[in-house]
Amino acid sequence: MPRISRRDHIQSVLLMLHERDNTRRQELDEYPRVLQEHETPAPQCPIYDGFVADGGADAIVRLTPREVNTLWMSVRCHVSRY
């Protein structure tokens, strides 16, 4: 079996990266990050919705350990079941 040249290897890696990039772009097109004007976000849970209502989406990023524990306690049984 002939040995793959360095150039062929580089080309195959670049092709693989290009295909991966195309796949990711297609996935992003399939699942957009921004809601359309006529869409409303699906309700999550009352506790989660309360955090978002109080501080917007950034509030989730800035949760304190106590707030994370509150959320975790509300979903722990569901998560451990599956």
PDB file of N, CA and C in Angstrom:
ATOM      1  N   MET A   1       0.854  -1.173   0.000  1.00  0.00           N
ATOM      2  CA  MET A   1       0.000   0.000   0.000  1.00  0.00           C
ATOM      3  C   MET A   1       0.901   1.237   0.000  1.00  0.00           C
ATOM      4  N   PRO A   2       0.693   2.151  -0.937  1.00  0.00           N
ATOM      5  CA  PRO A   2       1.569   3.323  -1.025  1.00  0.00           C
ATOM      6  C   PRO A   2       1.332   4.274   0.143  1.00  0.00           C
ATOM      7  N   ARG A   3       2.392   4.903   0.527  1.00  0.00           N
ATOM      8  CA  ARG A   3       2.338   5.866   1.621  1.00  0.00           C
ATOM      9  C   ARG A   3       1.748   7.184   1.111  1.00  0.00           C
ATOM     10  N   ILE A   4       0.871   7.784   1.912  1.00  0.00           N
ATOM     11  CA  ILE A   4       0.238   9.051   1.519  1.00  0.00           C
ATOM     12  C   ILE A   4       1.263  10.162   1.677  1.00  0.00           C
ATOM     13  N   SER A   5       1.366  10.973   0.641  1.00  0.00           N
ATOM     14  CA  SER A   5       2.317  12.083   0.712  1.00  0.00           C
ATOM     15  C   SER A   5       1.807  13.150   1.667  1.00  0.00           C
ATOM     16  N   ARG A   6       2.705  13.975   2.112  1.00  0.00           N
ATOM     17  CA  ARG A   6       2.348  15.034   3.051  1.00  0.00           C
ATOM     18  C   ARG A   6       1.327  15.985   2.426  1.00  0.00           C
ATOM     19  N   ARG A   7       1.532  16.284   1.165  1.00  0.00           N
ATOM     20  CA  ARG A   7       0.612  17.193   0.466  1.00  0.00           C
ATOM     21  C   ARG A   7      -0.793  16.580   0.396  1.00  0.00           C
ATOM     22  N   ASP A   8      -0.878  15.289   0.066  1.00  0.00           N
ATOM     23  CA  ASP A   8      -2.186  14.628   0.007  1.00  0.00           C
ATOM     24  C   ASP A   8      -2.862  14.616   1.377  1.00  0.00           C
ATOM     25  N   HIS A   9      -2.046  14.402   2.396  1.00  0.00           N
ATOM     26  CA  HIS A   9      -2.591  14.392   3.760  1.00  0.00           C
ATOM     27  C   HIS A   9      -3.147  15.773   4.123  1.00  0.00           C
ATOM     28  N   ILE A  10      -2.418  16.810   3.817  1.00  0.00           N
ATOM     29  CA  ILE A  10      -2.874  18.173   4.114  1.00  0.00           C
ATOM     30  C   ILE A  10      -4.148  18.486   3.346  1.00  0.00           C
ATOM     31  N   GLN A  11      -4.195  18.076   2.092  1.00  0.00           N
ATOM     32  CA  GLN A  11      -5.394  18.320   1.293  1.00  0.00           C
ATOM     33  C   GLN A  11      -6.592  17.564   1.859  1.00  0.00           C
ATOM     34  N   SER A  12      -6.373  16.339   2.298  1.00  0.00           N
ATOM     35  CA  SER A  12      -7.489  15.569   2.847  1.00  0.00           C
ATOM     36  C   SER A  12      -7.978  16.177   4.167  1.00  0.00           C
ATOM     37  N   VAL A  13      -7.065  16.684   4.988  1.00  0.00           N
ATOM     38  CA  VAL A  13      -7.458  17.337   6.239  1.00  0.00           C
ATOM     39  C   VAL A  13      -8.222  18.622   5.947  1.00  0.00           C
ATOM     40  N   LEU A  14      -7.750  19.411   4.999  1.00  0.00           N
ATOM     41  CA  LEU A  14      -8.450  20.644   4.639  1.00  0.00           C
ATOM     42  C   LEU A  14      -9.838  20.351   4.080  1.00  0.00           C
ATOM     43  N   LEU A  15      -9.952  19.305   3.286  1.00  0.00           N
ATOM     44  CA  LEU A  15     -11.252  18.914   2.748  1.00  0.00           C
ATOM     45  C   LEU A  15     -12.195  18.496   3.879  1.00  0.00           C
ATOM     46  N   MET A  16     -11.675  17.719   4.830  1.00  0.00           N
ATOM     47  CA  MET A  16     -12.483  17.296   5.960  1.00  0.00           C
ATOM     48  C   MET A  16     -12.955  18.508   6.769  1.00  0.00           C
ATOM     49  N   LEU A  17     -12.072  19.474   7.017  1.00  0.00           N
ATOM     50  CA  LEU A  17     -12.445  20.680   7.762  1.00  0.00           C
ATOM     51  C   LEU A  17     -13.484  21.506   7.004  1.00  0.00           C
ATOM     52  N   HIS A  18     -13.332  21.578   5.698  1.00  0.00           N
ATOM     53  CA  HIS A  18     -14.293  22.305   4.876  1.00  0.00           C
ATOM     54  C   HIS A  18     -15.670  21.636   4.947  1.00  0.00           C
ATOM     55  N   GLU A  19     -15.703  20.321   4.872  1.00  0.00           N
ATOM     56  CA  GLU A  19     -16.975  19.596   4.962  1.00  0.00           C
ATOM     57  C   GLU A  19     -17.610  19.768   6.334  1.00  0.00           C
ATOM     58  N   ARG A  20     -16.782  19.742   7.373  1.00  0.00           N
ATOM     59  CA  ARG A  20     -17.296  19.937   8.735  1.00  0.00           C
ATOM     60  C   ARG A  20     -17.880  21.338   8.888  1.00  0.00           C
ATOM     61  N   ASP A  21     -17.195  22.325   8.320  1.00  0.00           N
ATOM     62  CA  ASP A  21     -17.685  23.704   8.379  1.00  0.00           C
ATOM     63  C   ASP A  21     -19.021  23.826   7.655  1.00  0.00           C
ATOM     64  N   ASN A  22     -19.135  23.204   6.497  1.00  0.00           N
ATOM     65  CA  ASN A  22     -20.404  23.243   5.760  1.00  0.00           C
ATOM     66  C   ASN A  22     -21.523  22.587   6.548  1.00  0.00           C
ATOM     67  N   THR A  23     -21.230  21.462   7.189  1.00  0.00           N
ATOM     68  CA  THR A  23     -22.233  20.768   7.988  1.00  0.00           C
ATOM     69  C   THR A  23     -22.703  21.639   9.140  1.00  0.00           C
ATOM     70  N   ARG A  24     -21.779  22.286   9.809  1.00  0.00           N
ATOM     71  CA  ARG A  24     -22.148  23.162  10.931  1.00  0.00           C
ATOM     72  C   ARG A  24     -22.972  24.346  10.461  1.00  0.00           C
ATOM     73  N   ARG A  25     -22.622  24.903   9.330  1.00  0.00           N
ATOM     74  CA  ARG A  25     -23.405  26.029   8.807  1.00  0.00           C
ATOM     75  C   ARG A  25     -24.824  25.584   8.459  1.00  0.00           C
ATOM     76  N   GLN A  26     -24.966  24.388   7.895  1.00  0.00           N
ATOM     77  CA  GLN A  26     -26.290  23.864   7.585  1.00  0.00           C
ATOM     78  C   GLN A  26     -27.102  23.649   8.861  1.00  0.00           C
ATOM     79  N   GLU A  27     -26.451  23.155   9.914  1.00  0.00           N
ATOM     80  CA  GLU A  27     -27.148  22.971  11.181  1.00  0.00           C
ATOM     81  C   GLU A  27     -27.602  24.307  11.756  1.00  0.00           C
ATOM     82  N   LEU A  28     -26.757  25.326  11.654  1.00  0.00           N
ATOM     83  CA  LEU A  28     -27.147  26.648  12.151  1.00  0.00           C
ATOM     84  C   LEU A  28     -28.314  27.210  11.347  1.00  0.00           C
ATOM     85  N   ASP A  29     -28.332  26.943  10.045  1.00  0.00           N
ATOM     86  CA  ASP A  29     -29.454  27.403   9.226  1.00  0.00           C
ATOM     87  C   ASP A  29     -30.734  26.677   9.617  1.00  0.00           C
ATOM     88  N   GLU A  30     -30.593  25.409   9.985  1.00  0.00           N
ATOM     89  CA  GLU A  30     -31.764  24.619  10.357  1.00  0.00           C
ATOM     90  C   GLU A  30     -32.322  25.050  11.710  1.00  0.00           C
ATOM     91  N   TYR A  31     -31.430  25.436  12.616  1.00  0.00           N
ATOM     92  CA  TYR A  31     -31.831  25.855  13.951  1.00  0.00           C
ATOM     93  C   TYR A  31     -31.328  27.275  14.213  1.00  0.00           C
ATOM     94  N   PRO A  32     -32.065  28.280  13.760  1.00  0.00           N
ATOM     95  CA  PRO A  32     -31.597  29.662  13.918  1.00  0.00           C
ATOM     96  C   PRO A  32     -31.513  30.057  15.397  1.00  0.00           C
ATOM     97  N   ARG A  33     -30.646  31.009  15.670  1.00  0.00           N
ATOM     98  CA  ARG A  33     -30.438  31.469  17.043  1.00  0.00           C
ATOM     99  C   ARG A  33     -31.364  32.610  17.425  1.00  0.00           C
ATOM    100  N   VAL A  34     -31.986  33.252  16.449  1.00  0.00           N
ATOM    101  CA  VAL A  34     -32.839  34.402  16.709  1.00  0.00           C
ATOM    102  C   VAL A  34     -34.278  34.018  16.382  1.00  0.00           C
ATOM    103  N   LEU A  35     -35.190  34.363  17.289  1.00  0.00           N
ATOM    104  CA  LEU A  35     -36.597  34.089  17.044  1.00  0.00           C
ATOM    105  C   LEU A  35     -37.120  34.952  15.912  1.00  0.00           C
ATOM    106  N   GLN A  36     -37.988  34.392  15.125  1.00  0.00           N
ATOM    107  CA  GLN A  36     -38.681  35.177  14.116  1.00  0.00           C
ATOM    108  C   GLN A  36     -39.672  36.090  14.848  1.00  0.00           C
ATOM    109  N   GLU A  37     -40.092  37.150  14.196  1.00  0.00           N
ATOM    110  CA  GLU A  37     -40.975  38.134  14.841  1.00  0.00           C
ATOM    111  C   GLU A  37     -42.281  37.519  15.327  1.00  0.00           C
ATOM    112  N   HIS A  38     -42.826  36.570  14.577  1.00  0.00           N
ATOM    113  CA  HIS A  38     -44.119  36.000  14.939  1.00  0.00           C
ATOM    114  C   HIS A  38     -43.998  34.837  15.924  1.00  0.00           C
ATOM    115  N   GLU A  39     -42.784  34.402  16.252  1.00  0.00           N
ATOM    116  CA  GLU A  39     -42.591  33.289  17.167  1.00  0.00           C
ATOM    117  C   GLU A  39     -42.529  33.786  18.607  1.00  0.00           C
ATOM    118  N   THR A  40     -43.023  32.990  19.512  1.00  0.00           N
ATOM    119  CA  THR A  40     -42.884  33.275  20.934  1.00  0.00           C
ATOM    120  C   THR A  40     -42.073  32.145  21.549  1.00  0.00           C
ATOM    121  N   PRO A  41     -41.226  32.465  22.501  1.00  0.00           N
ATOM    122  CA  PRO A  41     -40.430  31.409  23.109  1.00  0.00           C
ATOM    123  C   PRO A  41     -41.302  30.418  23.871  1.00  0.00           C
ATOM    124  N   ALA A  42     -40.948  29.154  23.783  1.00  0.00           N
ATOM    125  CA  ALA A  42     -41.690  28.126  24.500  1.00  0.00           C
ATOM    126  C   ALA A  42     -41.431  28.280  25.992  1.00  0.00           C
ATOM    127  N   PRO A  43     -42.465  28.172  26.810  1.00  0.00           N
ATOM    128  CA  PRO A  43     -42.249  28.313  28.245  1.00  0.00           C
ATOM    129  C   PRO A  43     -41.361  27.180  28.764  1.00  0.00           C
ATOM    130  N   GLN A  44     -40.438  27.518  29.643  1.00  0.00           N
ATOM    131  CA  GLN A  44     -39.509  26.516  30.185  1.00  0.00           C
ATOM    132  C   GLN A  44     -40.089  25.950  31.480  1.00  0.00           C
ATOM    133  N   CYS A  45     -39.954  26.686  32.515  1.00  0.00           N
ATOM    134  CA  CYS A  45     -40.541  26.327  33.803  1.00  0.00           C
ATOM    135  C   CYS A  45     -40.714  27.624  34.588  1.00  0.00           C
ATOM    136  N   PRO A  46     -41.593  27.640  35.565  1.00  0.00           N
ATOM    137  CA  PRO A  46     -41.855  28.893  36.286  1.00  0.00           C
ATOM    138  C   PRO A  46     -40.600  29.492  36.923  1.00  0.00           C
ATOM    139  N   ILE A  47     -39.738  28.669  37.466  1.00  0.00           N
ATOM    140  CA  ILE A  47     -38.541  29.199  38.123  1.00  0.00           C
ATOM    141  C   ILE A  47     -37.616  29.821  37.086  1.00  0.00           C
ATOM    142  N   TYR A  48     -37.356  29.093  36.002  1.00  0.00           N
ATOM    143  CA  TYR A  48     -36.497  29.597  34.927  1.00  0.00           C
ATOM    144  C   TYR A  48     -37.083  30.879  34.347  1.00  0.00           C
ATOM    145  N   ASP A  49     -38.386  30.859  34.072  1.00  0.00           N
ATOM    146  CA  ASP A  49     -39.040  32.040  33.507  1.00  0.00           C
ATOM    147  C   ASP A  49     -38.926  33.237  34.439  1.00  0.00           C
ATOM    148  N   GLY A  50     -38.950  32.993  35.749  1.00  0.00           N
ATOM    149  CA  GLY A  50     -38.788  34.078  36.708  1.00  0.00           C
ATOM    150  C   GLY A  50     -37.421  34.729  36.608  1.00  0.00           C
ATOM    151  N   PHE A  51     -36.368  33.902  36.449  1.00  0.00           N
ATOM    152  CA  PHE A  51     -35.023  34.458  36.299  1.00  0.00           C
ATOM    153  C   PHE A  51     -34.928  35.295  35.027  1.00  0.00           C
ATOM    154  N   VAL A  52     -35.477  34.785  33.931  1.00  0.00           N
ATOM    155  CA  VAL A  52     -35.421  35.511  32.664  1.00  0.00           C
ATOM    156  C   VAL A  52     -36.228  36.802  32.752  1.00  0.00           C
ATOM    157  N   ALA A  53     -37.398  36.747  33.386  1.00  0.00           N
ATOM    158  CA  ALA A  53     -38.229  37.948  33.512  1.00  0.00           C
ATOM    159  C   ALA A  53     -37.534  39.014  34.348  1.00  0.00           C
ATOM    160  N   ASP A  54     -36.804  38.593  35.373  1.00  0.00           N
ATOM    161  CA  ASP A  54     -36.126  39.561  36.238  1.00  0.00           C
ATOM    162  C   ASP A  54     -34.918  40.198  35.581  1.00  0.00           C
ATOM    163  N   GLY A  55     -34.128  39.404  34.811  1.00  0.00           N
ATOM    164  CA  GLY A  55     -32.883  39.954  34.287  1.00  0.00           C
ATOM    165  C   GLY A  55     -32.596  39.668  32.843  1.00  0.00           C
ATOM    166  N   GLY A  56     -33.549  39.147  32.104  1.00  0.00           N
ATOM    167  CA  GLY A  56     -33.311  38.826  30.700  1.00  0.00           C
ATOM    168  C   GLY A  56     -32.449  37.580  30.558  1.00  0.00           C
ATOM    169  N   ALA A  57     -32.051  37.291  29.327  1.00  0.00           N
ATOM    170  CA  ALA A  57     -31.260  36.090  29.059  1.00  0.00           C
ATOM    171  C   ALA A  57     -29.905  36.142  29.749  1.00  0.00           C
ATOM    172  N   ASP A  58     -29.352  37.334  29.944  1.00  0.00           N
ATOM    173  CA  ASP A  58     -28.057  37.455  30.618  1.00  0.00           C
ATOM    174  C   ASP A  58     -28.130  37.044  32.079  1.00  0.00           C
ATOM    175  N   ALA A  59     -29.302  37.077  32.654  1.00  0.00           N
ATOM    176  CA  ALA A  59     -29.437  36.681  34.051  1.00  0.00           C
ATOM    177  C   ALA A  59     -29.063  35.220  34.246  1.00  0.00           C
ATOM    178  N   ILE A  60     -29.314  34.399  33.257  1.00  0.00           N
ATOM    179  CA  ILE A  60     -28.986  32.976  33.359  1.00  0.00           C
ATOM    180  C   ILE A  60     -27.473  32.792  33.410  1.00  0.00           C
ATOM    181  N   VAL A  61     -26.750  33.593  32.666  1.00  0.00           N
ATOM    182  CA  VAL A  61     -25.286  33.491  32.647  1.00  0.00           C
ATOM    183  C   VAL A  61     -24.694  33.926  33.985  1.00  0.00           C
ATOM    184  N   ARG A  62     -25.358  34.846  34.655  1.00  0.00           N
ATOM    185  CA  ARG A  62     -24.820  35.412  35.890  1.00  0.00           C
ATOM    186  C   ARG A  62     -25.474  34.838  37.144  1.00  0.00           C
ATOM    187  N   LEU A  63     -25.934  33.597  37.097  1.00  0.00           N
ATOM    188  CA  LEU A  63     -26.577  32.996  38.258  1.00  0.00           C
ATOM    189  C   LEU A  63     -25.587  32.810  39.405  1.00  0.00           C
ATOM    190  N   THR A  64     -26.063  33.047  40.596  1.00  0.00           N
ATOM    191  CA  THR A  64     -25.247  32.790  41.784  1.00  0.00           C
ATOM    192  C   THR A  64     -25.347  31.297  42.115  1.00  0.00           C
ATOM    193  N   PRO A  65     -24.425  30.777  42.924  1.00  0.00           N
ATOM    194  CA  PRO A  65     -24.522  29.362  43.307  1.00  0.00           C
ATOM    195  C   PRO A  65     -25.869  29.017  43.958  1.00  0.00           C
ATOM    196  N   ARG A  66     -26.405  29.928  44.757  1.00  0.00           N
ATOM    197  CA  ARG A  66     -27.704  29.665  45.387  1.00  0.00           C
ATOM    198  C   ARG A  66     -28.811  29.541  44.333  1.00  0.00           C
ATOM    199  N   GLU A  67     -28.783  30.415  43.334  1.00  0.00           N
ATOM    200  CA  GLU A  67     -29.799  30.356  42.277  1.00  0.00           C
ATOM    201  C   GLU A  67     -29.644  29.079  41.440  1.00  0.00           C
ATOM    202  N   VAL A  68     -28.404  28.680  41.180  1.00  0.00           N
ATOM    203  CA  VAL A  68     -28.179  27.429  40.444  1.00  0.00           C
ATOM    204  C   VAL A  68     -28.739  26.252  41.234  1.00  0.00           C
ATOM    205  N   ASN A  69     -28.510  26.259  42.554  1.00  0.00           N
ATOM    206  CA  ASN A  69     -29.054  25.189  43.390  1.00  0.00           C
ATOM    207  C   ASN A  69     -30.575  25.169  43.369  1.00  0.00           C
ATOM    208  N   THR A  70     -31.188  26.340  43.367  1.00  0.00           N
ATOM    209  CA  THR A  70     -32.651  26.404  43.291  1.00  0.00           C
ATOM    210  C   THR A  70     -33.148  25.778  41.997  1.00  0.00           C
ATOM    211  N   LEU A  71     -32.521  26.140  40.886  1.00  0.00           N
ATOM    212  CA  LEU A  71     -32.901  25.541  39.606  1.00  0.00           C
ATOM    213  C   LEU A  71     -32.641  24.040  39.600  1.00  0.00           C
ATOM    214  N   TRP A  72     -31.480  23.644  40.108  1.00  0.00           N
ATOM    215  CA  TRP A  72     -31.124  22.228  40.097  1.00  0.00           C
ATOM    216  C   TRP A  72     -32.125  21.412  40.915  1.00  0.00           C
ATOM    217  N   MET A  73     -32.511  21.908  42.062  1.00  0.00           N
ATOM    218  CA  MET A  73     -33.457  21.175  42.909  1.00  0.00           C
ATOM    219  C   MET A  73     -34.803  21.007  42.211  1.00  0.00           C
ATOM    220  N   SER A  74     -35.150  21.938  41.325  1.00  0.00           N
ATOM    221  CA  SER A  74     -36.442  21.829  40.643  1.00  0.00           C
ATOM    222  C   SER A  74     -36.406  20.831  39.489  1.00  0.00           C
ATOM    223  N   VAL A  75     -35.222  20.507  38.966  1.00  0.00           N
ATOM    224  CA  VAL A  75     -35.142  19.578  37.826  1.00  0.00           C
ATOM    225  C   VAL A  75     -34.393  18.292  38.150  1.00  0.00           C
ATOM    226  N   ARG A  76     -33.851  18.187  39.357  1.00  0.00           N
ATOM    227  CA  ARG A  76     -33.001  17.055  39.713  1.00  0.00           C
ATOM    228  C   ARG A  76     -33.700  15.710  39.520  1.00  0.00           C
ATOM    229  N   CYS A  77     -34.906  15.577  39.985  1.00  0.00           N
ATOM    230  CA  CYS A  77     -35.616  14.293  39.860  1.00  0.00           C
ATOM    231  C   CYS A  77     -35.825  13.927  38.399  1.00  0.00           C
ATOM    232  N   HIS A  78     -36.189  14.904  37.604  1.00  0.00           N
ATOM    233  CA  HIS A  78     -36.411  14.654  36.179  1.00  0.00           C
ATOM    234  C   HIS A  78     -35.114  14.224  35.493  1.00  0.00           C
ATOM    235  N   VAL A  79     -34.018  14.904  35.795  1.00  0.00           N
ATOM    236  CA  VAL A  79     -32.737  14.599  35.162  1.00  0.00           C
ATOM    237  C   VAL A  79     -32.250  13.222  35.577  1.00  0.00           C
ATOM    238  N   SER A  80     -32.364  12.891  36.849  1.00  0.00           N
ATOM    239  CA  SER A  80     -31.866  11.595  37.318  1.00  0.00           C
ATOM    240  C   SER A  80     -32.718  10.445  36.816  1.00  0.00           C
ATOM    241  N   ARG A  81     -33.974  10.699  36.472  1.00  0.00           N
ATOM    242  CA  ARG A  81     -34.847   9.662  35.921  1.00  0.00           C
ATOM    243  C   ARG A  81     -34.412   9.239  34.520  1.00  0.00           C
ATOM    244  N   TYR A  82     -33.836  10.164  33.766  1.00  0.00           N
ATOM    245  CA  TYR A  82     -33.459   9.879  32.387  1.00  0.00           C
ATOM    246  C   TYR A  82     -31.991   9.889  32.291  1.00  0.00           C
TER     247      TYR A  82
END
